[in-house]
Protein backbone atom coordinates (compact mmCIF):
# COMPACT_ATOMS: atom_id res chain seq x y z
CA MET A 1 -0.40 20.62 -9.28
CA VAL A 2 3.35 20.10 -8.97
CA GLU A 3 4.20 16.60 -7.72
CA ASN A 4 4.96 16.52 -3.96
CA ALA A 5 4.09 20.20 -3.60
CA PRO A 6 1.72 21.03 -0.73
CA PRO A 7 -1.68 22.20 -1.99
CA PHE A 8 -1.56 25.25 0.32
CA PRO A 9 2.13 26.20 0.74
CA SER A 10 1.41 28.90 3.33
CA ALA A 11 -0.58 26.60 5.66
CA GLU A 12 1.24 25.00 8.56
CA ARG A 13 0.65 21.24 8.67
CA GLN A 14 1.91 18.03 10.23
CA LEU A 15 2.00 14.65 8.50
CA LEU A 16 -0.23 12.14 10.31
CA HIS A 17 -0.52 9.22 7.90
CA HIS A 18 1.20 8.14 4.67
CA ARG A 19 -0.40 5.60 2.33
CA SER A 20 1.70 4.39 -0.59
CA ILE A 21 0.11 2.40 -3.44
CA ALA A 22 2.03 0.91 -6.38
CA LEU A 23 0.85 -1.33 -9.24
CA ARG A 24 2.96 -3.31 -11.72
CA PHE A 25 1.57 -5.10 -14.80
CA PHE A 26 3.12 -8.18 -16.43
CA GLU A 27 2.34 -10.30 -19.49
CA ARG A 28 3.13 -14.02 -19.06
CA PRO A 29 4.26 -16.49 -21.77
CA ASP A 30 1.05 -18.53 -21.22
CA GLY A 31 -1.04 -15.56 -22.43
CA LEU A 32 -2.23 -14.52 -18.97
CA PHE A 33 -1.53 -11.23 -17.24
CA GLU A 34 -0.44 -10.54 -13.66
CA VAL A 35 -1.06 -7.38 -11.70
CA GLU A 36 1.06 -6.97 -8.56
CA GLY A 37 0.10 -4.39 -6.02
CA ALA A 38 1.77 -2.97 -2.96
CA LEU A 39 -0.07 -1.06 -0.26
CA MET A 40 1.75 0.36 2.73
CA ASP A 41 0.38 2.59 5.47
CA ARG A 42 2.61 4.29 8.01
CA LYS A 43 1.81 6.75 10.78
CA SER A 44 4.21 9.53 11.75
CA HIS A 45 3.53 9.01 15.45
CA PRO A 46 3.41 6.01 17.81
CA PHE A 47 0.07 4.19 17.69
CA ARG A 48 -1.61 1.23 19.39
CA ARG A 49 -3.25 -1.53 17.38
CA GLN A 50 -6.45 -3.09 18.62
CA LEU A 51 -5.72 -5.85 21.14
CA ALA A 52 -2.03 -4.84 21.32
CA GLU A 53 -0.38 -4.33 24.69
CA GLU A 54 2.29 -1.89 23.46
CA ASP A 55 2.46 1.00 21.02
CA SER A 56 3.91 0.53 17.57
CA PRO A 57 6.67 3.06 16.86
CA ALA A 58 6.30 5.95 14.44
CA GLY A 59 7.05 4.80 10.89
CA HIS A 60 6.20 1.15 11.59
CA PRO A 61 3.87 -0.27 8.88
CA LEU A 62 0.22 -0.27 9.84
CA HIS A 63 -0.52 -2.21 6.63
CA ASP A 64 2.01 -3.81 4.29
CA SER A 65 0.00 -5.77 1.72
CA SER A 66 0.95 -7.30 -1.62
CA PRO A 67 -2.12 -8.45 -3.56
CA THR A 68 -1.50 -10.25 -6.86
CA SER A 69 -4.11 -10.83 -9.55
CA VAL A 70 -3.82 -13.29 -12.47
CA CYS A 71 -6.05 -12.29 -15.40
CA ARG A 72 -7.08 -13.69 -18.77
CA GLU A 73 -7.66 -10.09 -19.78
CA LEU A 74 -6.40 -6.99 -18.03
CA PHE A 75 -9.99 -6.05 -17.12
CA GLY A 76 -11.69 -9.45 -17.33
CA ASP A 77 -11.73 -12.77 -15.42
CA ARG A 78 -9.16 -13.12 -12.67
CA ALA A 79 -8.02 -15.09 -9.65
CA VAL A 80 -6.55 -13.15 -6.74
CA THR A 81 -3.98 -14.11 -4.14
CA HIS A 82 -2.91 -11.90 -1.27
CA ARG A 83 -0.06 -11.81 1.25
CA ASP A 84 0.77 -9.49 4.14
CA GLU A 85 4.36 -8.84 5.15
CA GLY A 86 6.14 -6.75 7.73
CA LEU A 87 3.44 -6.70 10.37
CA SER A 88 5.20 -8.29 13.31
């Protein structure tokens, strides 16, 4: 499949939700590894969060998370920290 090409070019469609995931891998001088992630969800229409009194506008992040993992091995022991940003 061609990147960013619709799977069915002749079908009419409307974007409802966009989830973007990115991972970056680092090697540290102390011999450990870090994996940084970024997860962002956006809706293309206004939406209401649970317990919210007003709608969030189209394009406002539903999730904007940045988990970070510190590893002894890239697929071994690890400690994970997590932070959320942009969700006011």
